[in-house]
């Protein structure tokens, strides 16, 4: 890309990308599901106490809050 003088213009690396939808945030939250499943299995088999499920759920809640509150620099943050 160049202007009328032939100088190269800086290229915006985010140009043409649609930032709507929040797919990355959902993907990060979905990545917490195996942790919760493992915690439930460990509690069900008696290896650990119920507190481990609570810790896993709190981790999921913290991840959701961080993804919701993250500002991507384009004014679409909360």
C-alpha atoms as a PDB file:
ATOM      1  CA  UNK A   1       0.000   0.000   0.000  1.00  0.00           C
ATOM      2  CA  UNK A   2       1.383   3.435  -0.851  1.00  0.00           C
ATOM      3  CA  UNK A   3       0.201   7.025  -1.022  1.00  0.00           C
ATOM      4  CA  UNK A   4       0.430   9.449  -3.980  1.00  0.00           C
ATOM      5  CA  UNK A   5       4.107  10.263  -3.246  1.00  0.00           C
ATOM      6  CA  UNK A   6       5.065   6.599  -3.490  1.00  0.00           C
ATOM      7  CA  UNK A   7       5.843   6.326   0.227  1.00  0.00           C
ATOM      8  CA  UNK A   8       4.852   3.122   1.930  1.00  0.00           C
ATOM      9  CA  UNK A   9       1.993   3.501   4.390  1.00  0.00           C
ATOM     10  CA  UNK A  10       1.973   1.484   7.614  1.00  0.00           C
ATOM     11  CA  UNK A  11      -0.275  -1.550   7.449  1.00  0.00           C
ATOM     12  CA  UNK A  12      -2.778  -2.004  10.252  1.00  0.00           C
ATOM     13  CA  UNK A  13      -2.395  -5.639  11.398  1.00  0.00           C
ATOM     14  CA  UNK A  14      -6.006  -5.660  12.640  1.00  0.00           C
ATOM     15  CA  UNK A  15      -7.540  -4.260   9.449  1.00  0.00           C
ATOM     16  CA  UNK A  16     -10.174  -6.541   8.008  1.00  0.00           C
ATOM     17  CA  UNK A  17     -10.590  -8.605  11.175  1.00  0.00           C
ATOM     18  CA  UNK A  18     -14.044  -8.694  12.708  1.00  0.00           C
ATOM     19  CA  UNK A  19     -13.607  -8.437  16.485  1.00  0.00           C
ATOM     20  CA  UNK A  20     -17.238  -9.192  17.269  1.00  0.00           C
ATOM     21  CA  UNK A  21     -18.507 -12.520  18.517  1.00  0.00           C
ATOM     22  CA  UNK A  22     -16.124 -13.115  21.408  1.00  0.00           C
ATOM     23  CA  UNK A  23     -15.017 -16.510  20.121  1.00  0.00           C
ATOM     24  CA  UNK A  24     -11.674 -16.376  21.913  1.00  0.00           C
ATOM     25  CA  UNK A  25     -13.311 -15.728  25.281  1.00  0.00           C
ATOM     26  CA  UNK A  26     -15.627 -18.692  24.880  1.00  0.00           C
ATOM     27  CA  UNK A  27     -12.718 -20.883  23.806  1.00  0.00           C
ATOM     28  CA  UNK A  28     -10.796 -19.988  26.962  1.00  0.00           C
ATOM     29  CA  UNK A  29     -13.822 -20.823  29.113  1.00  0.00           C
ATOM     30  CA  UNK A  30     -14.389 -24.125  27.270  1.00  0.00           C
ATOM     31  CA  UNK A  31     -10.761 -25.025  28.048  1.00  0.00           C
ATOM     32  CA  UNK A  32     -11.744 -25.075  31.746  1.00  0.00           C
ATOM     33  CA  UNK A  33     -14.244 -27.919  31.239  1.00  0.00           C
ATOM     34  CA  UNK A  34     -11.642 -30.741  31.443  1.00  0.00           C
ATOM     35  CA  UNK A  35     -10.439 -29.341  34.786  1.00  0.00           C
ATOM     36  CA  UNK A  36     -13.978 -29.439  36.170  1.00  0.00           C
ATOM     37  CA  UNK A  37     -14.573 -32.966  34.840  1.00  0.00           C
ATOM     38  CA  UNK A  38     -11.333 -34.195  36.422  1.00  0.00           C
ATOM     39  CA  UNK A  39     -12.242 -32.559  39.732  1.00  0.00           C
ATOM     40  CA  UNK A  40     -15.691 -34.211  39.699  1.00  0.00           C
ATOM     41  CA  UNK A  41     -14.158 -37.615  38.889  1.00  0.00           C
ATOM     42  CA  UNK A  42     -11.602 -37.279  41.695  1.00  0.00           C
ATOM     43  CA  UNK A  43     -14.341 -36.350  44.172  1.00  0.00           C
ATOM     44  CA  UNK A  44     -16.584 -39.188  42.952  1.00  0.00           C
ATOM     45  CA  UNK A  45     -13.792 -41.720  43.428  1.00  0.00           C
ATOM     46  CA  UNK A  46     -13.001 -40.391  46.901  1.00  0.00           C
ATOM     47  CA  UNK A  47      -9.460 -39.285  46.088  1.00  0.00           C
ATOM     48  CA  UNK A  48     -10.081 -35.650  47.088  1.00  0.00           C
ATOM     49  CA  UNK A  49     -12.738 -33.676  48.929  1.00  0.00           C
ATOM     50  CA  UNK A  50     -15.563 -31.552  47.525  1.00  0.00           C
ATOM     51  CA  UNK A  51     -13.394 -28.462  47.935  1.00  0.00           C
ATOM     52  CA  UNK A  52     -11.561 -29.306  44.736  1.00  0.00           C
ATOM     53  CA  UNK A  53     -14.760 -28.959  42.705  1.00  0.00           C
ATOM     54  CA  UNK A  54     -15.345 -25.568  44.328  1.00  0.00           C
ATOM     55  CA  UNK A  55     -11.815 -24.475  43.444  1.00  0.00           C
ATOM     56  CA  UNK A  56     -12.346 -25.590  39.829  1.00  0.00           C
ATOM     57  CA  UNK A  57     -15.643 -23.666  39.630  1.00  0.00           C
ATOM     58  CA  UNK A  58     -14.002 -20.561  41.115  1.00  0.00           C
ATOM     59  CA  UNK A  59     -11.245 -20.835  38.508  1.00  0.00           C
ATOM     60  CA  UNK A  60     -13.900 -21.009  35.779  1.00  0.00           C
ATOM     61  CA  UNK A  61     -15.649 -17.938  37.218  1.00  0.00           C
ATOM     62  CA  UNK A  62     -12.370 -16.014  37.401  1.00  0.00           C
ATOM     63  CA  UNK A  63     -11.563 -16.897  33.769  1.00  0.00           C
ATOM     64  CA  UNK A  64     -15.026 -15.726  32.675  1.00  0.00           C
ATOM     65  CA  UNK A  65     -14.612 -12.426  34.524  1.00  0.00           C
ATOM     66  CA  UNK A  66     -11.167 -11.841  33.035  1.00  0.00           C
ATOM     67  CA  UNK A  67     -12.392 -12.553  29.504  1.00  0.00           C
ATOM     68  CA  UNK A  68     -15.379 -10.248  30.001  1.00  0.00           C
ATOM     69  CA  UNK A  69     -13.288  -7.439  31.421  1.00  0.00           C
ATOM     70  CA  UNK A  70     -10.427  -7.635  28.946  1.00  0.00           C
ATOM     71  CA  UNK A  71     -10.047  -4.510  26.825  1.00  0.00           C
ATOM     72  CA  UNK A  72      -8.876  -5.241  23.290  1.00  0.00           C
ATOM     73  CA  UNK A  73      -7.992  -1.609  22.585  1.00  0.00           C
ATOM     74  CA  UNK A  74     -10.799  -1.091  20.066  1.00  0.00           C
ATOM     75  CA  UNK A  75     -13.385   0.308  22.469  1.00  0.00           C
ATOM     76  CA  UNK A  76     -15.417  -2.890  22.624  1.00  0.00           C
ATOM     77  CA  UNK A  77     -14.323  -3.842  26.161  1.00  0.00           C
ATOM     78  CA  UNK A  78     -16.705  -3.488  29.084  1.00  0.00           C
END
